[in-house]
Amino acid sequence: MGAWSHEPFGNDTALDWAAELATVKNLAVIEAAFDAVNEDGEDYLDASAGEEAVAAAQALAGLMSPAILANACPESVQDWARQMAEQPNPALKRKARQALQRVLSESSELRELWEETDDFAAWQDSLRGLQAVIGT
């Protein structure tokens, strides 16, 4: 796992995903990250899909909260959010919450990798915090 932090953008996969996000002017890349996790059903969830979904949730939360955007998102995501006129609808928020729950589940490789570290509780708290920000 190319990670240096439990934060959503604290890994190589998330930063690569952020570069892709910066190339669009809509929410399609965010929705695609959630769909990749949610459409996986009950199968074992690959860590990279989980990392992208977590990054997408952080970008979504940043779009909803200027404080999160400024303090927890890379510059490329901040630039993207500043250019966005589209706001997340309830269906996208629901997909985000579902994807985060799937990443936190027992059948998630990302969860298994974090369980092997001293930062597992901080990682879980970070994802639960995102769930709270995204809300209902």
N, C-alpha and C. Protein backbone atom coordinates (compact mmCIF):
# COMPACT_ATOMS: atom_id res chain seq x y z
N MET A 1 0.86 -1.17 0.00
CA MET A 1 0.00 0.00 0.00
C MET A 1 0.91 1.23 0.00
N GLY A 2 0.80 2.05 -1.04
CA GLY A 2 1.58 3.27 -1.16
C GLY A 2 0.92 4.40 -0.39
N ALA A 3 0.86 4.23 0.94
CA ALA A 3 0.18 5.22 1.77
C ALA A 3 1.15 5.81 2.78
N TRP A 4 0.97 7.07 3.09
CA TRP A 4 1.78 7.73 4.09
C TRP A 4 0.92 8.37 5.17
N SER A 5 -0.40 8.26 4.99
CA SER A 5 -1.33 8.86 5.95
C SER A 5 -2.67 8.13 5.87
N HIS A 6 -3.39 8.17 6.98
CA HIS A 6 -4.74 7.59 7.00
C HIS A 6 -5.77 8.52 6.36
N GLU A 7 -5.38 9.74 6.05
CA GLU A 7 -6.29 10.71 5.44
C GLU A 7 -6.65 10.27 4.02
N PRO A 8 -7.79 10.68 3.50
CA PRO A 8 -8.26 10.21 2.19
C PRO A 8 -7.29 10.42 1.03
N PHE A 9 -6.53 11.49 1.04
CA PHE A 9 -5.56 11.72 -0.04
C PHE A 9 -4.14 11.37 0.38
N GLY A 10 -3.99 10.53 1.38
CA GLY A 10 -2.68 10.14 1.88
C GLY A 10 -2.13 8.88 1.23
N ASN A 11 -2.40 8.70 -0.07
CA ASN A 11 -1.88 7.53 -0.79
C ASN A 11 -1.76 7.85 -2.28
N ASP A 12 -0.95 7.08 -2.96
CA ASP A 12 -0.68 7.30 -4.39
C ASP A 12 -1.94 7.16 -5.25
N THR A 13 -2.75 6.15 -4.96
CA THR A 13 -3.95 5.91 -5.77
C THR A 13 -4.89 7.10 -5.71
N ALA A 14 -5.09 7.67 -4.53
CA ALA A 14 -5.98 8.82 -4.38
C ALA A 14 -5.45 10.04 -5.12
N LEU A 15 -4.16 10.25 -5.09
CA LEU A 15 -3.60 11.40 -5.80
C LEU A 15 -3.69 11.22 -7.32
N ASP A 16 -3.52 9.98 -7.79
CA ASP A 16 -3.72 9.71 -9.22
C ASP A 16 -5.17 9.97 -9.60
N TRP A 17 -6.09 9.54 -8.74
CA TRP A 17 -7.51 9.78 -8.98
C TRP A 17 -7.81 11.28 -9.01
N ALA A 18 -7.20 12.05 -8.11
CA ALA A 18 -7.41 13.50 -8.07
C ALA A 18 -6.96 14.16 -9.37
N ALA A 19 -5.89 13.65 -9.97
CA ALA A 19 -5.43 14.19 -11.25
C ALA A 19 -6.48 13.95 -12.33
N GLU A 20 -7.12 12.80 -12.29
CA GLU A 20 -8.20 12.51 -13.25
C GLU A 20 -9.39 13.44 -13.00
N LEU A 21 -9.74 13.64 -11.75
CA LEU A 21 -10.86 14.53 -11.41
C LEU A 21 -10.63 15.93 -11.97
N ALA A 22 -9.40 16.39 -11.90
CA ALA A 22 -9.08 17.75 -12.34
C ALA A 22 -9.30 17.96 -13.84
N THR A 23 -9.47 16.88 -14.59
CA THR A 23 -9.66 17.00 -16.03
C THR A 23 -11.12 17.18 -16.45
N VAL A 24 -12.04 17.08 -15.50
CA VAL A 24 -13.47 17.20 -15.82
C VAL A 24 -14.08 18.39 -15.10
N LYS A 25 -15.23 18.78 -15.54
CA LYS A 25 -15.94 19.92 -14.92
C LYS A 25 -17.32 19.48 -14.45
N ASN A 26 -17.41 18.25 -13.96
CA ASN A 26 -18.68 17.73 -13.47
C ASN A 26 -18.43 16.70 -12.38
N LEU A 27 -19.46 16.01 -11.97
CA LEU A 27 -19.35 15.03 -10.89
C LEU A 27 -19.21 13.59 -11.39
N ALA A 28 -19.00 13.41 -12.69
CA ALA A 28 -18.97 12.07 -13.28
C ALA A 28 -17.87 11.18 -12.72
N VAL A 29 -16.68 11.71 -12.51
CA VAL A 29 -15.57 10.90 -11.99
C VAL A 29 -15.84 10.49 -10.55
N ILE A 30 -16.47 11.37 -9.79
CA ILE A 30 -16.85 11.04 -8.41
C ILE A 30 -17.88 9.92 -8.42
N GLU A 31 -18.92 10.08 -9.23
CA GLU A 31 -19.96 9.05 -9.28
C GLU A 31 -19.40 7.72 -9.76
N ALA A 32 -18.49 7.75 -10.73
CA ALA A 32 -17.90 6.51 -11.23
C ALA A 32 -17.11 5.78 -10.14
N ALA A 33 -16.43 6.51 -9.28
CA ALA A 33 -15.68 5.89 -8.18
C ALA A 33 -16.63 5.20 -7.20
N PHE A 34 -17.75 5.84 -6.91
CA PHE A 34 -18.74 5.22 -6.02
C PHE A 34 -19.38 4.00 -6.68
N ASP A 35 -19.72 4.13 -7.96
CA ASP A 35 -20.34 3.02 -8.68
C ASP A 35 -19.41 1.81 -8.74
N ALA A 36 -18.12 2.03 -8.93
CA ALA A 36 -17.18 0.92 -9.01
C ALA A 36 -17.18 0.10 -7.72
N VAL A 37 -17.37 0.76 -6.60
CA VAL A 37 -17.42 0.06 -5.31
C VAL A 37 -18.80 -0.55 -5.07
N ASN A 38 -19.83 0.22 -5.33
CA ASN A 38 -21.18 -0.23 -5.02
C ASN A 38 -21.68 -1.34 -5.94
N GLU A 39 -21.23 -1.33 -7.18
CA GLU A 39 -21.67 -2.34 -8.13
C GLU A 39 -20.91 -3.65 -7.98
N ASP A 40 -19.92 -3.65 -7.10
CA ASP A 40 -19.11 -4.83 -6.85
C ASP A 40 -19.88 -5.87 -6.04
N GLY A 41 -21.04 -5.49 -5.52
CA GLY A 41 -21.86 -6.40 -4.73
C GLY A 41 -21.17 -6.81 -3.44
N GLU A 42 -21.25 -8.07 -3.14
CA GLU A 42 -20.65 -8.59 -1.91
C GLU A 42 -19.27 -9.18 -2.15
N ASP A 43 -18.76 -9.09 -3.37
CA ASP A 43 -17.44 -9.61 -3.68
C ASP A 43 -16.38 -8.86 -2.88
N TYR A 44 -15.22 -9.48 -2.77
CA TYR A 44 -14.09 -8.87 -2.09
C TYR A 44 -13.71 -7.58 -2.81
N LEU A 45 -13.63 -6.49 -2.08
CA LEU A 45 -13.38 -5.17 -2.65
C LEU A 45 -11.88 -4.89 -2.71
N ASP A 46 -11.38 -4.65 -3.90
CA ASP A 46 -9.97 -4.33 -4.13
C ASP A 46 -9.60 -3.02 -3.44
N ALA A 47 -8.41 -2.96 -2.89
CA ALA A 47 -7.95 -1.78 -2.16
C ALA A 47 -7.94 -0.52 -3.02
N SER A 48 -7.51 -0.62 -4.26
CA SER A 48 -7.42 0.58 -5.09
C SER A 48 -8.81 1.17 -5.37
N ALA A 49 -9.81 0.33 -5.57
CA ALA A 49 -11.18 0.84 -5.76
C ALA A 49 -11.65 1.53 -4.49
N GLY A 50 -11.30 0.97 -3.35
CA GLY A 50 -11.66 1.59 -2.08
C GLY A 50 -10.97 2.93 -1.88
N GLU A 51 -9.69 3.01 -2.23
CA GLU A 51 -8.96 4.27 -2.09
C GLU A 51 -9.56 5.36 -2.98
N GLU A 52 -9.96 4.98 -4.19
CA GLU A 52 -10.57 5.96 -5.08
C GLU A 52 -11.93 6.42 -4.54
N ALA A 53 -12.72 5.51 -4.01
CA ALA A 53 -14.02 5.88 -3.45
C ALA A 53 -13.86 6.80 -2.25
N VAL A 54 -12.87 6.54 -1.42
CA VAL A 54 -12.62 7.40 -0.26
C VAL A 54 -12.18 8.79 -0.73
N ALA A 55 -11.31 8.85 -1.72
CA ALA A 55 -10.90 10.14 -2.27
C ALA A 55 -12.09 10.88 -2.87
N ALA A 56 -12.96 10.14 -3.56
CA ALA A 56 -14.16 10.76 -4.15
C ALA A 56 -15.07 11.30 -3.05
N ALA A 57 -15.19 10.58 -1.97
CA ALA A 57 -16.02 11.06 -0.84
C ALA A 57 -15.41 12.32 -0.23
N GLN A 58 -14.09 12.37 -0.14
CA GLN A 58 -13.43 13.56 0.40
C GLN A 58 -13.64 14.75 -0.54
N ALA A 59 -13.53 14.53 -1.85
CA ALA A 59 -13.77 15.61 -2.80
C ALA A 59 -15.22 16.08 -2.72
N LEU A 60 -16.15 15.15 -2.58
CA LEU A 60 -17.56 15.50 -2.44
C LEU A 60 -17.78 16.32 -1.17
N ALA A 61 -17.19 15.87 -0.07
CA ALA A 61 -17.30 16.61 1.19
C ALA A 61 -16.68 18.00 1.05
N GLY A 62 -15.58 18.09 0.32
CA GLY A 62 -14.94 19.38 0.09
C GLY A 62 -15.82 20.31 -0.72
N LEU A 63 -16.55 19.75 -1.66
CA LEU A 63 -17.47 20.55 -2.46
C LEU A 63 -18.60 21.10 -1.58
N MET A 64 -18.96 20.35 -0.55
CA MET A 64 -20.04 20.74 0.35
C MET A 64 -19.58 21.66 1.47
N SER A 65 -18.28 21.63 1.80
CA SER A 65 -17.77 22.38 2.94
C SER A 65 -16.46 23.08 2.59
N PRO A 66 -16.45 24.41 2.55
CA PRO A 66 -15.22 25.13 2.25
C PRO A 66 -14.08 24.81 3.22
N ALA A 67 -14.39 24.55 4.48
CA ALA A 67 -13.35 24.23 5.46
C ALA A 67 -12.65 22.92 5.12
N ILE A 68 -13.43 21.92 4.74
CA ILE A 68 -12.85 20.62 4.36
C ILE A 68 -12.03 20.79 3.08
N LEU A 69 -12.57 21.54 2.15
CA LEU A 69 -11.87 21.77 0.90
C LEU A 69 -10.49 22.38 1.15
N ALA A 70 -10.44 23.40 1.97
CA ALA A 70 -9.18 24.12 2.22
C ALA A 70 -8.20 23.32 3.06
N ASN A 71 -8.70 22.50 3.97
CA ASN A 71 -7.81 21.84 4.93
C ASN A 71 -7.49 20.39 4.62
N ALA A 72 -8.27 19.74 3.75
CA ALA A 72 -8.07 18.30 3.60
C ALA A 72 -8.03 17.82 2.15
N CYS A 73 -8.01 18.73 1.21
CA CYS A 73 -7.99 18.34 -0.20
C CYS A 73 -6.75 18.92 -0.88
N PRO A 74 -6.15 18.15 -1.80
CA PRO A 74 -5.00 18.69 -2.53
C PRO A 74 -5.41 19.87 -3.42
N GLU A 75 -4.44 20.62 -3.83
CA GLU A 75 -4.69 21.82 -4.63
C GLU A 75 -5.49 21.53 -5.89
N SER A 76 -5.22 20.40 -6.54
CA SER A 76 -5.96 20.07 -7.76
C SER A 76 -7.45 19.90 -7.49
N VAL A 77 -7.79 19.31 -6.36
CA VAL A 77 -9.20 19.14 -5.99
C VAL A 77 -9.81 20.48 -5.59
N GLN A 78 -9.04 21.31 -4.92
CA GLN A 78 -9.53 22.64 -4.58
C GLN A 78 -9.84 23.44 -5.84
N ASP A 79 -8.94 23.39 -6.82
CA ASP A 79 -9.17 24.10 -8.08
C ASP A 79 -10.41 23.57 -8.79
N TRP A 80 -10.57 22.26 -8.82
CA TRP A 80 -11.74 21.64 -9.44
C TRP A 80 -13.02 22.13 -8.76
N ALA A 81 -13.05 22.10 -7.44
CA ALA A 81 -14.25 22.48 -6.69
C ALA A 81 -14.61 23.95 -6.92
N ARG A 82 -13.62 24.81 -7.02
CA ARG A 82 -13.89 26.23 -7.25
C ARG A 82 -14.57 26.48 -8.60
N GLN A 83 -14.34 25.58 -9.54
CA GLN A 83 -14.91 25.73 -10.87
C GLN A 83 -16.26 25.02 -11.03
N MET A 84 -16.67 24.30 -10.02
CA MET A 84 -17.90 23.51 -10.10
C MET A 84 -19.12 24.35 -9.79
N ALA A 85 -20.08 24.34 -10.69
CA ALA A 85 -21.37 24.97 -10.43
C ALA A 85 -22.36 23.92 -9.94
N GLU A 86 -22.16 22.68 -10.37
CA GLU A 86 -23.05 21.58 -10.02
C GLU A 86 -22.84 21.19 -8.55
N GLN A 87 -23.93 21.00 -7.85
CA GLN A 87 -23.87 20.55 -6.46
C GLN A 87 -24.37 19.11 -6.37
N PRO A 88 -23.89 18.36 -5.39
CA PRO A 88 -24.29 16.96 -5.27
C PRO A 88 -25.78 16.83 -4.94
N ASN A 89 -26.43 15.89 -5.60
CA ASN A 89 -27.83 15.63 -5.31
C ASN A 89 -27.96 14.51 -4.28
N PRO A 90 -29.14 14.29 -3.74
CA PRO A 90 -29.32 13.24 -2.72
C PRO A 90 -28.90 11.85 -3.18
N ALA A 91 -29.12 11.53 -4.45
CA ALA A 91 -28.74 10.20 -4.95
C ALA A 91 -27.23 10.00 -4.91
N LEU A 92 -26.46 11.03 -5.26
CA LEU A 92 -25.00 10.93 -5.21
C LEU A 92 -24.52 10.81 -3.77
N LYS A 93 -25.12 11.56 -2.88
CA LYS A 93 -24.76 11.46 -1.46
C LYS A 93 -25.05 10.05 -0.94
N ARG A 94 -26.16 9.47 -1.36
CA ARG A 94 -26.51 8.10 -0.95
C ARG A 94 -25.46 7.11 -1.46
N LYS A 95 -25.04 7.29 -2.72
CA LYS A 95 -24.00 6.43 -3.27
C LYS A 95 -22.69 6.57 -2.48
N ALA A 96 -22.38 7.78 -2.08
CA ALA A 96 -21.16 8.03 -1.31
C ALA A 96 -21.21 7.30 0.03
N ARG A 97 -22.32 7.43 0.73
CA ARG A 97 -22.44 6.76 2.03
C ARG A 97 -22.36 5.25 1.88
N GLN A 98 -23.02 4.72 0.84
CA GLN A 98 -22.99 3.28 0.58
C GLN A 98 -21.56 2.82 0.28
N ALA A 99 -20.84 3.59 -0.53
CA ALA A 99 -19.47 3.22 -0.89
C ALA A 99 -18.56 3.23 0.34
N LEU A 100 -18.70 4.24 1.18
CA LEU A 100 -17.87 4.30 2.40
C LEU A 100 -18.18 3.13 3.31
N GLN A 101 -19.45 2.77 3.42
CA GLN A 101 -19.81 1.62 4.25
C GLN A 101 -19.19 0.35 3.70
N ARG A 102 -19.17 0.23 2.39
CA ARG A 102 -18.57 -0.94 1.74
C ARG A 102 -17.06 -0.99 1.99
N VAL A 103 -16.40 0.15 1.94
CA VAL A 103 -14.95 0.21 2.21
C VAL A 103 -14.66 -0.17 3.66
N LEU A 104 -15.54 0.17 4.56
CA LEU A 104 -15.38 -0.15 5.98
C LEU A 104 -15.74 -1.61 6.30
N SER A 105 -16.34 -2.32 5.36
CA SER A 105 -16.86 -3.67 5.63
C SER A 105 -15.74 -4.71 5.76
N GLU A 106 -16.13 -5.87 6.25
CA GLU A 106 -15.19 -6.98 6.44
C GLU A 106 -14.65 -7.52 5.12
N SER A 107 -15.35 -7.29 4.01
CA SER A 107 -14.91 -7.83 2.72
C SER A 107 -14.14 -6.79 1.90
N SER A 108 -13.47 -5.87 2.59
CA SER A 108 -12.69 -4.82 1.95
C SER A 108 -11.20 -5.04 2.17
N GLU A 109 -10.45 -5.13 1.09
CA GLU A 109 -8.99 -5.27 1.19
C GLU A 109 -8.38 -4.05 1.87
N LEU A 110 -8.92 -2.87 1.59
CA LEU A 110 -8.39 -1.65 2.19
C LEU A 110 -8.53 -1.71 3.71
N ARG A 111 -9.68 -2.14 4.18
CA ARG A 111 -9.87 -2.30 5.63
C ARG A 111 -8.83 -3.27 6.19
N GLU A 112 -8.65 -4.40 5.52
CA GLU A 112 -7.68 -5.39 5.99
C GLU A 112 -6.27 -4.81 6.08
N LEU A 113 -5.89 -4.02 5.08
CA LEU A 113 -4.56 -3.41 5.11
C LEU A 113 -4.43 -2.43 6.27
N TRP A 114 -5.47 -1.64 6.52
CA TRP A 114 -5.40 -0.69 7.62
C TRP A 114 -5.47 -1.38 8.97
N GLU A 115 -6.13 -2.52 9.05
CA GLU A 115 -6.19 -3.28 10.32
C GLU A 115 -4.80 -3.71 10.78
N GLU A 116 -3.89 -3.84 9.85
CA GLU A 116 -2.53 -4.27 10.16
C GLU A 116 -1.63 -3.13 10.62
N THR A 117 -2.18 -1.93 10.75
CA THR A 117 -1.39 -0.76 11.12
C THR A 117 -1.83 -0.21 12.47
N ASP A 118 -1.01 0.68 13.00
CA ASP A 118 -1.36 1.37 14.25
C ASP A 118 -2.39 2.48 14.01
N ASP A 119 -2.63 2.81 12.75
CA ASP A 119 -3.53 3.91 12.41
C ASP A 119 -4.93 3.44 12.02
N PHE A 120 -5.26 2.19 12.30
CA PHE A 120 -6.56 1.66 11.90
C PHE A 120 -7.72 2.47 12.49
N ALA A 121 -7.67 2.77 13.76
CA ALA A 121 -8.77 3.53 14.40
C ALA A 121 -8.88 4.93 13.79
N ALA A 122 -7.75 5.56 13.51
CA ALA A 122 -7.77 6.90 12.91
C ALA A 122 -8.35 6.83 11.50
N TRP A 123 -8.02 5.79 10.76
CA TRP A 123 -8.56 5.60 9.41
C TRP A 123 -10.08 5.43 9.47
N GLN A 124 -10.54 4.57 10.37
CA GLN A 124 -11.99 4.38 10.53
C GLN A 124 -12.68 5.69 10.90
N ASP A 125 -12.10 6.41 11.84
CA ASP A 125 -12.68 7.69 12.26
C ASP A 125 -12.75 8.67 11.10
N SER A 126 -11.73 8.67 10.26
CA SER A 126 -11.72 9.55 9.10
C SER A 126 -12.88 9.24 8.16
N LEU A 127 -13.11 7.96 7.89
CA LEU A 127 -14.21 7.58 7.01
C LEU A 127 -15.56 7.84 7.65
N ARG A 128 -15.67 7.60 8.91
CA ARG A 128 -16.94 7.89 9.60
C ARG A 128 -17.21 9.39 9.63
N GLY A 129 -16.15 10.19 9.74
CA GLY A 129 -16.30 11.63 9.67
C GLY A 129 -16.82 12.07 8.31
N LEU A 130 -16.32 11.43 7.25
CA LEU A 130 -16.82 11.73 5.91
C LEU A 130 -18.30 11.37 5.78
N GLN A 131 -18.67 10.23 6.33
CA GLN A 131 -20.07 9.83 6.30
C GLN A 131 -20.94 10.88 6.98
N ALA A 132 -20.47 11.41 8.09
CA ALA A 132 -21.24 12.41 8.82
C ALA A 132 -21.36 13.71 8.02
N VAL A 133 -20.29 14.12 7.37
CA VAL A 133 -20.33 15.36 6.59
C VAL A 133 -21.27 15.21 5.40
N ILE A 134 -21.18 14.07 4.73
CA ILE A 134 -22.03 13.86 3.56
C ILE A 134 -23.50 13.76 3.97
N GLY A 135 -23.73 13.22 5.17
CA GLY A 135 -25.07 13.23 5.75
C GLY A 135 -26.11 12.47 4.99
N THR A 136 -27.34 12.90 5.23
CA THR A 136 -28.48 12.15 4.66
C THR A 136 -28.98 12.80 3.39
